[in-house]
mmCIF file of all heavy atoms, coordinates in Angstrom:
data_MODEL
# 
_entry.id   MODEL 
# 
loop_
_atom_site.group_PDB 
_atom_site.id 
_atom_site.type_symbol 
_atom_site.label_atom_id 
_atom_site.label_alt_id 
_atom_site.label_comp_id 
_atom_site.label_asym_id 
_atom_site.label_entity_id 
_atom_site.label_seq_id 
_atom_site.pdbx_PDB_ins_code 
_atom_site.Cartn_x 
_atom_site.Cartn_y 
_atom_site.Cartn_z 
_atom_site.occupancy 
_atom_site.B_iso_or_equiv 
_atom_site.pdbx_formal_charge 
_atom_site.auth_seq_id 
_atom_site.auth_comp_id 
_atom_site.auth_asym_id 
_atom_site.auth_atom_id 
_atom_site.pdbx_PDB_model_num 
ATOM 1   N N   . VAL A 1 1  ? -4.134  -2.288 -3.033  1.00 0.00 ? 1  VAL A N   1 
ATOM 2   C CA  . VAL A 1 1  ? -2.775  -2.074 -3.521  1.00 0.00 ? 1  VAL A CA  1 
ATOM 3   C C   . VAL A 1 1  ? -2.427  -0.610 -3.281  1.00 0.00 ? 1  VAL A C   1 
ATOM 4   O O   . VAL A 1 1  ? -3.136  0.282  -3.758  1.00 0.00 ? 1  VAL A O   1 
ATOM 5   C CB  . VAL A 1 1  ? -2.640  -2.410 -5.014  1.00 0.00 ? 1  VAL A CB  1 
ATOM 6   C CG1 . VAL A 1 1  ? -1.217  -2.133 -5.501  1.00 0.00 ? 1  VAL A CG1 1 
ATOM 7   C CG2 . VAL A 1 1  ? -3.025  -3.863 -5.272  1.00 0.00 ? 1  VAL A CG2 1 
ATOM 8   N N   . VAL A 1 2  ? -1.371  -0.375 -2.523  1.00 0.00 ? 2  VAL A N   1 
ATOM 9   C CA  . VAL A 1 2  ? -0.964  0.990  -2.186  1.00 0.00 ? 2  VAL A CA  1 
ATOM 10  C C   . VAL A 1 2  ? 0.281   1.361  -2.977  1.00 0.00 ? 2  VAL A C   1 
ATOM 11  O O   . VAL A 1 2  ? 1.288   0.658  -2.944  1.00 0.00 ? 2  VAL A O   1 
ATOM 12  C CB  . VAL A 1 2  ? -0.676  1.144  -0.682  1.00 0.00 ? 2  VAL A CB  1 
ATOM 13  C CG1 . VAL A 1 2  ? -0.304  2.601  -0.363  1.00 0.00 ? 2  VAL A CG1 1 
ATOM 14  C CG2 . VAL A 1 2  ? -1.890  0.717  0.141   1.00 0.00 ? 2  VAL A CG2 1 
ATOM 15  N N   . PHE A 1 3  ? 0.187   2.479  -3.707  1.00 0.00 ? 3  PHE A N   1 
ATOM 16  C CA  . PHE A 1 3  ? 1.331   3.039  -4.419  1.00 0.00 ? 3  PHE A CA  1 
ATOM 17  C C   . PHE A 1 3  ? 1.819   4.259  -3.654  1.00 0.00 ? 3  PHE A C   1 
ATOM 18  O O   . PHE A 1 3  ? 1.050   5.193  -3.406  1.00 0.00 ? 3  PHE A O   1 
ATOM 19  C CB  . PHE A 1 3  ? 0.932   3.466  -5.834  1.00 0.00 ? 3  PHE A CB  1 
ATOM 20  C CG  . PHE A 1 3  ? 0.519   2.343  -6.734  1.00 0.00 ? 3  PHE A CG  1 
ATOM 21  C CD1 . PHE A 1 3  ? -0.819  1.985  -6.857  1.00 0.00 ? 3  PHE A CD1 1 
ATOM 22  C CD2 . PHE A 1 3  ? 1.453   1.646  -7.480  1.00 0.00 ? 3  PHE A CD2 1 
ATOM 23  C CE1 . PHE A 1 3  ? -1.219  0.964  -7.702  1.00 0.00 ? 3  PHE A CE1 1 
ATOM 24  C CE2 . PHE A 1 3  ? 1.067   0.604  -8.323  1.00 0.00 ? 3  PHE A CE2 1 
ATOM 25  C CZ  . PHE A 1 3  ? -0.271  0.263  -8.435  1.00 0.00 ? 3  PHE A CZ  1 
ATOM 26  N N   . ALA A 1 4  ? 3.078   4.284  -3.292  1.00 0.00 ? 4  ALA A N   1 
ATOM 27  C CA  . ALA A 1 4  ? 3.663   5.433  -2.590  1.00 0.00 ? 4  ALA A CA  1 
ATOM 28  C C   . ALA A 1 4  ? 5.155   5.196  -2.461  1.00 0.00 ? 4  ALA A C   1 
ATOM 29  O O   . ALA A 1 4  ? 5.646   4.070  -2.603  1.00 0.00 ? 4  ALA A O   1 
ATOM 30  C CB  . ALA A 1 4  ? 3.033   5.635  -1.211  1.00 0.00 ? 4  ALA A CB  1 
ATOM 31  N N   . GLY A 1 5  ? 5.878   6.270  -2.160  1.00 0.00 ? 5  GLY A N   1 
ATOM 32  C CA  . GLY A 1 5  ? 7.305   6.141  -1.964  1.00 0.00 ? 5  GLY A CA  1 
ATOM 33  C C   . GLY A 1 5  ? 7.720   6.246  -0.518  1.00 0.00 ? 5  GLY A C   1 
ATOM 34  O O   . GLY A 1 5  ? 8.907   6.171  -0.200  1.00 0.00 ? 5  GLY A O   1 
ATOM 35  N N   . CYS A 1 6  ? 6.745   6.416  0.373   1.00 0.00 ? 6  CYS A N   1 
ATOM 36  C CA  . CYS A 1 6  ? 7.037   6.606  1.795   1.00 0.00 ? 6  CYS A CA  1 
ATOM 37  C C   . CYS A 1 6  ? 6.064   5.778  2.618   1.00 0.00 ? 6  CYS A C   1 
ATOM 38  O O   . CYS A 1 6  ? 5.009   5.373  2.121   1.00 0.00 ? 6  CYS A O   1 
ATOM 39  C CB  . CYS A 1 6  ? 6.900   8.083  2.160   1.00 0.00 ? 6  CYS A CB  1 
ATOM 40  S SG  . CYS A 1 6  ? 5.213   8.711  1.970   1.00 0.00 ? 6  CYS A SG  1 
ATOM 41  N N   . PRO A 1 7  ? 6.381   5.515  3.882   1.00 0.00 ? 7  PRO A N   1 
ATOM 42  C CA  . PRO A 1 7  ? 5.422   4.843  4.753   1.00 0.00 ? 7  PRO A CA  1 
ATOM 43  C C   . PRO A 1 7  ? 4.198   5.724  4.996   1.00 0.00 ? 7  PRO A C   1 
ATOM 44  O O   . PRO A 1 7  ? 4.309   6.937  5.177   1.00 0.00 ? 7  PRO A O   1 
ATOM 45  C CB  . PRO A 1 7  ? 6.208   4.642  6.054   1.00 0.00 ? 7  PRO A CB  1 
ATOM 46  C CG  . PRO A 1 7  ? 7.630   4.698  5.662   1.00 0.00 ? 7  PRO A CG  1 
ATOM 47  C CD  . PRO A 1 7  ? 7.692   5.696  4.543   1.00 0.00 ? 7  PRO A CD  1 
ATOM 48  N N   . LEU A 1 8  ? 3.037   5.096  4.998   1.00 0.00 ? 8  LEU A N   1 
ATOM 49  C CA  . LEU A 1 8  ? 1.784   5.777  5.284   1.00 0.00 ? 8  LEU A CA  1 
ATOM 50  C C   . LEU A 1 8  ? 1.141   5.166  6.520   1.00 0.00 ? 8  LEU A C   1 
ATOM 51  O O   . LEU A 1 8  ? 1.450   4.031  6.896   1.00 0.00 ? 8  LEU A O   1 
ATOM 52  C CB  . LEU A 1 8  ? 0.826   5.663  4.088   1.00 0.00 ? 8  LEU A CB  1 
ATOM 53  C CG  . LEU A 1 8  ? 1.270   6.352  2.795   1.00 0.00 ? 8  LEU A CG  1 
ATOM 54  C CD1 . LEU A 1 8  ? 0.352   5.956  1.650   1.00 0.00 ? 8  LEU A CD1 1 
ATOM 55  C CD2 . LEU A 1 8  ? 1.288   7.862  2.962   1.00 0.00 ? 8  LEU A CD2 1 
ATOM 56  N N   . ASP A 1 9  ? 0.254   5.901  7.122   1.00 0.00 ? 9  ASP A N   1 
ATOM 57  C CA  . ASP A 1 9  ? -0.536  5.388  8.231   1.00 0.00 ? 9  ASP A CA  1 
ATOM 58  C C   . ASP A 1 9  ? -1.553  4.405  7.656   1.00 0.00 ? 9  ASP A C   1 
ATOM 59  O O   . ASP A 1 9  ? -2.541  4.798  7.039   1.00 0.00 ? 9  ASP A O   1 
ATOM 60  C CB  . ASP A 1 9  ? -1.235  6.555  8.939   1.00 0.00 ? 9  ASP A CB  1 
ATOM 61  C CG  . ASP A 1 9  ? -2.098  6.101  10.108  1.00 0.00 ? 9  ASP A CG  1 
ATOM 62  O OD1 . ASP A 1 9  ? -2.348  4.887  10.247  1.00 0.00 ? 9  ASP A OD1 1 
ATOM 63  O OD2 . ASP A 1 9  ? -2.538  6.975  10.881  1.00 0.00 ? 9  ASP A OD2 1 
ATOM 64  N N   . LEU A 1 10 ? -1.309  3.122  7.858   1.00 0.00 ? 10 LEU A N   1 
ATOM 65  C CA  . LEU A 1 10 ? -2.147  2.073  7.277   1.00 0.00 ? 10 LEU A CA  1 
ATOM 66  C C   . LEU A 1 10 ? -3.020  1.382  8.320   1.00 0.00 ? 10 LEU A C   1 
ATOM 67  O O   . LEU A 1 10 ? -3.555  0.303  8.054   1.00 0.00 ? 10 LEU A O   1 
ATOM 68  C CB  . LEU A 1 10 ? -1.271  1.037  6.576   1.00 0.00 ? 10 LEU A CB  1 
ATOM 69  C CG  . LEU A 1 10 ? -0.455  1.528  5.381   1.00 0.00 ? 10 LEU A CG  1 
ATOM 70  C CD1 . LEU A 1 10 ? 0.358   0.383  4.789   1.00 0.00 ? 10 LEU A CD1 1 
ATOM 71  C CD2 . LEU A 1 10 ? -1.352  2.142  4.309   1.00 0.00 ? 10 LEU A CD2 1 
ATOM 72  N N   . THR A 1 11 ? -3.164  2.000  9.470   1.00 0.00 ? 11 THR A N   1 
ATOM 73  C CA  . THR A 1 11 ? -3.923  1.352  10.539  1.00 0.00 ? 11 THR A CA  1 
ATOM 74  C C   . THR A 1 11 ? -5.336  1.018  10.089  1.00 0.00 ? 11 THR A C   1 
ATOM 75  O O   . THR A 1 11 ? -5.782  -0.142 10.202  1.00 0.00 ? 11 THR A O   1 
ATOM 76  C CB  . THR A 1 11 ? -3.969  2.270  11.778  1.00 0.00 ? 11 THR A CB  1 
ATOM 77  O OG1 . THR A 1 11 ? -2.648  2.641  12.128  1.00 0.00 ? 11 THR A OG1 1 
ATOM 78  C CG2 . THR A 1 11 ? -4.619  1.547  12.943  1.00 0.00 ? 11 THR A CG2 1 
ATOM 79  N N   . GLU A 1 12 ? -6.056  1.979  9.559   1.00 0.00 ? 12 GLU A N   1 
ATOM 80  C CA  . GLU A 1 12 ? -7.434  1.725  9.145   1.00 0.00 ? 12 GLU A CA  1 
ATOM 81  C C   . GLU A 1 12 ? -7.488  0.910  7.865   1.00 0.00 ? 12 GLU A C   1 
ATOM 82  O O   . GLU A 1 12 ? -8.383  0.053  7.694   1.00 0.00 ? 12 GLU A O   1 
ATOM 83  C CB  . GLU A 1 12 ? -8.188  3.044  8.961   1.00 0.00 ? 12 GLU A CB  1 
ATOM 84  C CG  . GLU A 1 12 ? -9.679  2.827  8.709   1.00 0.00 ? 12 GLU A CG  1 
ATOM 85  C CD  . GLU A 1 12 ? -10.460 4.120  8.577   1.00 0.00 ? 12 GLU A CD  1 
ATOM 86  O OE1 . GLU A 1 12 ? -9.837  5.206  8.570   1.00 0.00 ? 12 GLU A OE1 1 
ATOM 87  O OE2 . GLU A 1 12 ? -11.702 4.050  8.450   1.00 0.00 ? 12 GLU A OE2 1 
ATOM 88  N N   . VAL A 1 13 ? -6.553  1.127  6.959   1.00 0.00 ? 13 VAL A N   1 
ATOM 89  C CA  . VAL A 1 13 ? -6.515  0.337  5.727   1.00 0.00 ? 13 VAL A CA  1 
ATOM 90  C C   . VAL A 1 13 ? -6.399  -1.142 6.064   1.00 0.00 ? 13 VAL A C   1 
ATOM 91  O O   . VAL A 1 13 ? -7.100  -1.993 5.491   1.00 0.00 ? 13 VAL A O   1 
ATOM 92  C CB  . VAL A 1 13 ? -5.344  0.783  4.833   1.00 0.00 ? 13 VAL A CB  1 
ATOM 93  C CG1 . VAL A 1 13 ? -5.181  -0.166 3.644   1.00 0.00 ? 13 VAL A CG1 1 
ATOM 94  C CG2 . VAL A 1 13 ? -5.550  2.206  4.340   1.00 0.00 ? 13 VAL A CG2 1 
ATOM 95  N N   . SER A 1 14 ? -5.521  -1.465 7.000   1.00 0.00 ? 14 SER A N   1 
ATOM 96  C CA  . SER A 1 14 ? -5.333  -2.855 7.388   1.00 0.00 ? 14 SER A CA  1 
ATOM 97  C C   . SER A 1 14 ? -6.582  -3.441 8.034   1.00 0.00 ? 14 SER A C   1 
ATOM 98  O O   . SER A 1 14 ? -6.875  -4.634 7.870   1.00 0.00 ? 14 SER A O   1 
ATOM 99  C CB  . SER A 1 14 ? -4.146  -2.966 8.342   1.00 0.00 ? 14 SER A CB  1 
ATOM 100 O OG  . SER A 1 14 ? -3.892  -4.308 8.672   1.00 0.00 ? 14 SER A OG  1 
ATOM 101 N N   . GLU A 1 15 ? -7.340  -2.622 8.751   1.00 0.00 ? 15 GLU A N   1 
ATOM 102 C CA  . GLU A 1 15 ? -8.583  -3.095 9.372   1.00 0.00 ? 15 GLU A CA  1 
ATOM 103 C C   . GLU A 1 15 ? -9.660  -3.378 8.326   1.00 0.00 ? 15 GLU A C   1 
ATOM 104 O O   . GLU A 1 15 ? -10.430 -4.329 8.461   1.00 0.00 ? 15 GLU A O   1 
ATOM 105 C CB  . GLU A 1 15 ? -9.094  -2.051 10.359  1.00 0.00 ? 15 GLU A CB  1 
ATOM 106 C CG  . GLU A 1 15 ? -8.206  -1.873 11.588  1.00 0.00 ? 15 GLU A CG  1 
ATOM 107 C CD  . GLU A 1 15 ? -8.638  -0.691 12.436  1.00 0.00 ? 15 GLU A CD  1 
ATOM 108 O OE1 . GLU A 1 15 ? -9.554  0.044  11.994  1.00 0.00 ? 15 GLU A OE1 1 
ATOM 109 O OE2 . GLU A 1 15 ? -8.060  -0.490 13.524  1.00 0.00 ? 15 GLU A OE2 1 
ATOM 110 N N   . LEU A 1 16 ? -9.704  -2.586 7.273   1.00 0.00 ? 16 LEU A N   1 
ATOM 111 C CA  . LEU A 1 16 ? -10.775 -2.701 6.282   1.00 0.00 ? 16 LEU A CA  1 
ATOM 112 C C   . LEU A 1 16 ? -10.481 -3.731 5.200   1.00 0.00 ? 16 LEU A C   1 
ATOM 113 O O   . LEU A 1 16 ? -11.401 -4.356 4.670   1.00 0.00 ? 16 LEU A O   1 
ATOM 114 C CB  . LEU A 1 16 ? -11.016 -1.338 5.631   1.00 0.00 ? 16 LEU A CB  1 
ATOM 115 C CG  . LEU A 1 16 ? -11.542 -0.230 6.541   1.00 0.00 ? 16 LEU A CG  1 
ATOM 116 C CD1 . LEU A 1 16 ? -11.528 1.106  5.816   1.00 0.00 ? 16 LEU A CD1 1 
ATOM 117 C CD2 . LEU A 1 16 ? -12.958 -0.555 7.022   1.00 0.00 ? 16 LEU A CD2 1 
ATOM 118 N N   . ALA A 1 17 ? -9.214  -3.896 4.855   1.00 0.00 ? 17 ALA A N   1 
ATOM 119 C CA  . ALA A 1 17 ? -8.859  -4.754 3.729   1.00 0.00 ? 17 ALA A CA  1 
ATOM 120 C C   . ALA A 1 17 ? -8.581  -6.179 4.173   1.00 0.00 ? 17 ALA A C   1 
ATOM 121 O O   . ALA A 1 17 ? -8.118  -6.423 5.292   1.00 0.00 ? 17 ALA A O   1 
ATOM 122 C CB  . ALA A 1 17 ? -7.633  -4.186 3.018   1.00 0.00 ? 17 ALA A CB  1 
ATOM 123 N N   . ASP A 1 18 ? -8.853  -7.125 3.274   1.00 0.00 ? 18 ASP A N   1 
ATOM 124 C CA  . ASP A 1 18 ? -8.501  -8.524 3.522   1.00 0.00 ? 18 ASP A CA  1 
ATOM 125 C C   . ASP A 1 18 ? -7.047  -8.803 3.166   1.00 0.00 ? 18 ASP A C   1 
ATOM 126 O O   . ASP A 1 18 ? -6.439  -9.733 3.708   1.00 0.00 ? 18 ASP A O   1 
ATOM 127 C CB  . ASP A 1 18 ? -9.405  -9.447 2.704   1.00 0.00 ? 18 ASP A CB  1 
ATOM 128 C CG  . ASP A 1 18 ? -10.862 -9.311 3.095   1.00 0.00 ? 18 ASP A CG  1 
ATOM 129 O OD1 . ASP A 1 18 ? -11.172 -9.508 4.277   1.00 0.00 ? 18 ASP A OD1 1 
ATOM 130 O OD2 . ASP A 1 18 ? -11.683 -8.976 2.222   1.00 0.00 ? 18 ASP A OD2 1 
ATOM 131 N N   . ALA A 1 19 ? -6.511  -8.024 2.257   1.00 0.00 ? 19 ALA A N   1 
ATOM 132 C CA  . ALA A 1 19 ? -5.105  -8.148 1.877   1.00 0.00 ? 19 ALA A CA  1 
ATOM 133 C C   . ALA A 1 19 ? -4.594  -6.762 1.522   1.00 0.00 ? 19 ALA A C   1 
ATOM 134 O O   . ALA A 1 19 ? -5.317  -5.946 0.941   1.00 0.00 ? 19 ALA A O   1 
ATOM 135 C CB  . ALA A 1 19 ? -4.934  -9.104 0.698   1.00 0.00 ? 19 ALA A CB  1 
ATOM 136 N N   . VAL A 1 20 ? -3.335  -6.501 1.893   1.00 0.00 ? 20 VAL A N   1 
ATOM 137 C CA  . VAL A 1 20 ? -2.710  -5.213 1.595   1.00 0.00 ? 20 VAL A CA  1 
ATOM 138 C C   . VAL A 1 20 ? -1.363  -5.463 0.934   1.00 0.00 ? 20 VAL A C   1 
ATOM 139 O O   . VAL A 1 20 ? -0.509  -6.173 1.490   1.00 0.00 ? 20 VAL A O   1 
ATOM 140 C CB  . VAL A 1 20 ? -2.512  -4.353 2.861   1.00 0.00 ? 20 VAL A CB  1 
ATOM 141 C CG1 . VAL A 1 20 ? -1.848  -3.018 2.498   1.00 0.00 ? 20 VAL A CG1 1 
ATOM 142 C CG2 . VAL A 1 20 ? -3.832  -4.123 3.577   1.00 0.00 ? 20 VAL A CG2 1 
ATOM 143 N N   . ILE A 1 21 ? -1.202  -4.889 -0.243  1.00 0.00 ? 21 ILE A N   1 
ATOM 144 C CA  . ILE A 1 21 ? 0.056   -4.970 -0.992  1.00 0.00 ? 21 ILE A CA  1 
ATOM 145 C C   . ILE A 1 21 ? 0.648   -3.576 -1.079  1.00 0.00 ? 21 ILE A C   1 
ATOM 146 O O   . ILE A 1 21 ? -0.031  -2.631 -1.475  1.00 0.00 ? 21 ILE A O   1 
ATOM 147 C CB  . ILE A 1 21 ? -0.176  -5.528 -2.415  1.00 0.00 ? 21 ILE A CB  1 
ATOM 148 C CG1 . ILE A 1 21 ? -0.560  -7.006 -2.350  1.00 0.00 ? 21 ILE A CG1 1 
ATOM 149 C CG2 . ILE A 1 21 ? 1.042   -5.317 -3.296  1.00 0.00 ? 21 ILE A CG2 1 
ATOM 150 C CD1 . ILE A 1 21 ? -0.979  -7.585 -3.690  1.00 0.00 ? 21 ILE A CD1 1 
ATOM 151 N N   . TYR A 1 22 ? 1.926   -3.451 -0.711  1.00 0.00 ? 22 TYR A N   1 
ATOM 152 C CA  . TYR A 1 22 ? 2.622   -2.172 -0.877  1.00 0.00 ? 22 TYR A CA  1 
ATOM 153 C C   . TYR A 1 22 ? 3.489   -2.281 -2.113  1.00 0.00 ? 22 TYR A C   1 
ATOM 154 O O   . TYR A 1 22 ? 4.416   -3.086 -2.176  1.00 0.00 ? 22 TYR A O   1 
ATOM 155 C CB  . TYR A 1 22 ? 3.463   -1.834 0.349   1.00 0.00 ? 22 TYR A CB  1 
ATOM 156 C CG  . TYR A 1 22 ? 3.389   -0.373 0.722   1.00 0.00 ? 22 TYR A CG  1 
ATOM 157 C CD1 . TYR A 1 22 ? 2.270   0.127  1.379   1.00 0.00 ? 22 TYR A CD1 1 
ATOM 158 C CD2 . TYR A 1 22 ? 4.409   0.516  0.415   1.00 0.00 ? 22 TYR A CD2 1 
ATOM 159 C CE1 . TYR A 1 22 ? 2.174   1.469  1.734   1.00 0.00 ? 22 TYR A CE1 1 
ATOM 160 C CE2 . TYR A 1 22 ? 4.329   1.852  0.764   1.00 0.00 ? 22 TYR A CE2 1 
ATOM 161 C CZ  . TYR A 1 22 ? 3.208   2.321  1.419   1.00 0.00 ? 22 TYR A CZ  1 
ATOM 162 O OH  . TYR A 1 22 ? 3.111   3.656  1.763   1.00 0.00 ? 22 TYR A OH  1 
ATOM 163 N N   . ALA A 1 23 ? 3.172   -1.458 -3.107  1.00 0.00 ? 23 ALA A N   1 
ATOM 164 C CA  . ALA A 1 23 ? 3.810   -1.595 -4.418  1.00 0.00 ? 23 ALA A CA  1 
ATOM 165 C C   . ALA A 1 23 ? 4.880   -0.554 -4.692  1.00 0.00 ? 23 ALA A C   1 
ATOM 166 O O   . ALA A 1 23 ? 5.556   -0.633 -5.720  1.00 0.00 ? 23 ALA A O   1 
ATOM 167 C CB  . ALA A 1 23 ? 2.748   -1.523 -5.515  1.00 0.00 ? 23 ALA A CB  1 
ATOM 168 N N   . TRP A 1 24 ? 5.039   0.443  -3.822  1.00 0.00 ? 24 TRP A N   1 
ATOM 169 C CA  . TRP A 1 24 ? 5.961   1.562  -4.062  1.00 0.00 ? 24 TRP A CA  1 
ATOM 170 C C   . TRP A 1 24 ? 5.597   2.239  -5.384  1.00 0.00 ? 24 TRP A C   1 
ATOM 171 O O   . TRP A 1 24 ? 4.443   2.340  -5.755  1.00 0.00 ? 24 TRP A O   1 
ATOM 172 C CB  . TRP A 1 24 ? 7.417   1.089  -4.036  1.00 0.00 ? 24 TRP A CB  1 
ATOM 173 C CG  . TRP A 1 24 ? 7.761   0.224  -2.870  1.00 0.00 ? 24 TRP A CG  1 
ATOM 174 C CD1 . TRP A 1 24 ? 7.993   -1.107 -2.870  1.00 0.00 ? 24 TRP A CD1 1 
ATOM 175 C CD2 . TRP A 1 24 ? 7.891   0.645  -1.478  1.00 0.00 ? 24 TRP A CD2 1 
ATOM 176 N NE1 . TRP A 1 24 ? 8.271   -1.559 -1.590  1.00 0.00 ? 24 TRP A NE1 1 
ATOM 177 C CE2 . TRP A 1 24 ? 8.218   -0.501 -0.720  1.00 0.00 ? 24 TRP A CE2 1 
ATOM 178 C CE3 . TRP A 1 24 ? 7.786   1.866  -0.816  1.00 0.00 ? 24 TRP A CE3 1 
ATOM 179 C CZ2 . TRP A 1 24 ? 8.431   -0.467 0.661   1.00 0.00 ? 24 TRP A CZ2 1 
ATOM 180 C CZ3 . TRP A 1 24 ? 7.996   1.905  0.563   1.00 0.00 ? 24 TRP A CZ3 1 
ATOM 181 C CH2 . TRP A 1 24 ? 8.315   0.753  1.280   1.00 0.00 ? 24 TRP A CH2 1 
ATOM 182 N N   . TYR A 1 25 ? 6.597   2.681  -6.130  1.00 0.00 ? 25 TYR A N   1 
ATOM 183 C CA  . TYR A 1 25 ? 6.432   3.088  -7.534  1.00 0.00 ? 25 TYR A CA  1 
ATOM 184 C C   . TYR A 1 25 ? 7.187   2.036  -8.342  1.00 0.00 ? 25 TYR A C   1 
ATOM 185 O O   . TYR A 1 25 ? 8.409   2.082  -8.462  1.00 0.00 ? 25 TYR A O   1 
ATOM 186 C CB  . TYR A 1 25 ? 6.995   4.486  -7.773  1.00 0.00 ? 25 TYR A CB  1 
ATOM 187 C CG  . TYR A 1 25 ? 6.297   5.568  -6.980  1.00 0.00 ? 25 TYR A CG  1 
ATOM 188 C CD1 . TYR A 1 25 ? 6.989   6.377  -6.082  1.00 0.00 ? 25 TYR A CD1 1 
ATOM 189 C CD2 . TYR A 1 25 ? 4.927   5.795  -7.135  1.00 0.00 ? 25 TYR A CD2 1 
ATOM 190 C CE1 . TYR A 1 25 ? 6.340   7.375  -5.356  1.00 0.00 ? 25 TYR A CE1 1 
ATOM 191 C CE2 . TYR A 1 25 ? 4.272   6.784  -6.414  1.00 0.00 ? 25 TYR A CE2 1 
ATOM 192 C CZ  . TYR A 1 25 ? 4.987   7.573  -5.530  1.00 0.00 ? 25 TYR A CZ  1 
ATOM 193 O OH  . TYR A 1 25 ? 4.339   8.555  -4.814  1.00 0.00 ? 25 TYR A OH  1 
ATOM 194 N N   . PRO A 1 26 ? 6.465   1.053  -8.906  1.00 0.00 ? 26 PRO A N   1 
ATOM 195 C CA  . PRO A 1 26 ? 7.109   -0.199 -9.317  1.00 0.00 ? 26 PRO A CA  1 
ATOM 196 C C   . PRO A 1 26 ? 7.694   -0.244 -10.719 1.00 0.00 ? 26 PRO A C   1 
ATOM 197 O O   . PRO A 1 26 ? 8.065   -1.320 -11.184 1.00 0.00 ? 26 PRO A O   1 
ATOM 198 C CB  . PRO A 1 26 ? 5.965   -1.203 -9.182  1.00 0.00 ? 26 PRO A CB  1 
ATOM 199 C CG  . PRO A 1 26 ? 4.745   -0.403 -9.501  1.00 0.00 ? 26 PRO A CG  1 
ATOM 200 C CD  . PRO A 1 26 ? 5.002   0.972  -8.959  1.00 0.00 ? 26 PRO A CD  1 
ATOM 201 N N   . GLY A 1 27 ? 7.788   0.888  -11.423 1.00 0.00 ? 27 GLY A N   1 
ATOM 202 C CA  . GLY A 1 27 ? 8.399   0.867  -12.737 1.00 0.00 ? 27 GLY A CA  1 
ATOM 203 C C   . GLY A 1 27 ? 7.421   0.512  -13.832 1.00 0.00 ? 27 GLY A C   1 
ATOM 204 O O   . GLY A 1 27 ? 6.237   0.255  -13.609 1.00 0.00 ? 27 GLY A O   1 
ATOM 205 N N   . GLU A 1 28 ? 7.942   0.484  -15.043 1.00 0.00 ? 28 GLU A N   1 
ATOM 206 C CA  . GLU A 1 28 ? 7.075   0.365  -16.218 1.00 0.00 ? 28 GLU A CA  1 
ATOM 207 C C   . GLU A 1 28 ? 6.309   -0.947 -16.286 1.00 0.00 ? 28 GLU A C   1 
ATOM 208 O O   . GLU A 1 28 ? 5.230   -1.009 -16.881 1.00 0.00 ? 28 GLU A O   1 
ATOM 209 C CB  . GLU A 1 28 ? 7.888   0.536  -17.494 1.00 0.00 ? 28 GLU A CB  1 
ATOM 210 C CG  . GLU A 1 28 ? 8.916   -0.555 -17.738 1.00 0.00 ? 28 GLU A CG  1 
ATOM 211 C CD  . GLU A 1 28 ? 9.646   -0.362 -19.049 1.00 0.00 ? 28 GLU A CD  1 
ATOM 212 O OE1 . GLU A 1 28 ? 10.288  0.694  -19.232 1.00 0.00 ? 28 GLU A OE1 1 
ATOM 213 O OE2 . GLU A 1 28 ? 9.563   -1.269 -19.900 1.00 0.00 ? 28 GLU A OE2 1 
ATOM 214 N N   . GLN A 1 29 ? 6.831   -1.990 -15.678 1.00 0.00 ? 29 GLN A N   1 
ATOM 215 C CA  . GLN A 1 29 ? 6.152   -3.288 -15.682 1.00 0.00 ? 29 GLN A CA  1 
ATOM 216 C C   . GLN A 1 29 ? 5.398   -3.533 -14.375 1.00 0.00 ? 29 GLN A C   1 
ATOM 217 O O   . GLN A 1 29 ? 5.020   -4.670 -14.076 1.00 0.00 ? 29 GLN A O   1 
ATOM 218 C CB  . GLN A 1 29 ? 7.172   -4.399 -15.906 1.00 0.00 ? 29 GLN A CB  1 
ATOM 219 C CG  . GLN A 1 29 ? 7.676   -4.495 -17.329 1.00 0.00 ? 29 GLN A CG  1 
ATOM 220 C CD  . GLN A 1 29 ? 6.591   -4.946 -18.280 1.00 0.00 ? 29 GLN A CD  1 
ATOM 221 O OE1 . GLN A 1 29 ? 5.964   -5.990 -18.083 1.00 0.00 ? 29 GLN A OE1 1 
ATOM 222 N NE2 . GLN A 1 29 ? 6.348   -4.171 -19.321 1.00 0.00 ? 29 GLN A NE2 1 
# 
């Protein structure tokens, strides 16, 4: 699960992970 407000270089993350969720900064809930 990636928390960020901007696009990141996810090339290696995608290779290593079975699933990738981009959560941004998702608020109090």
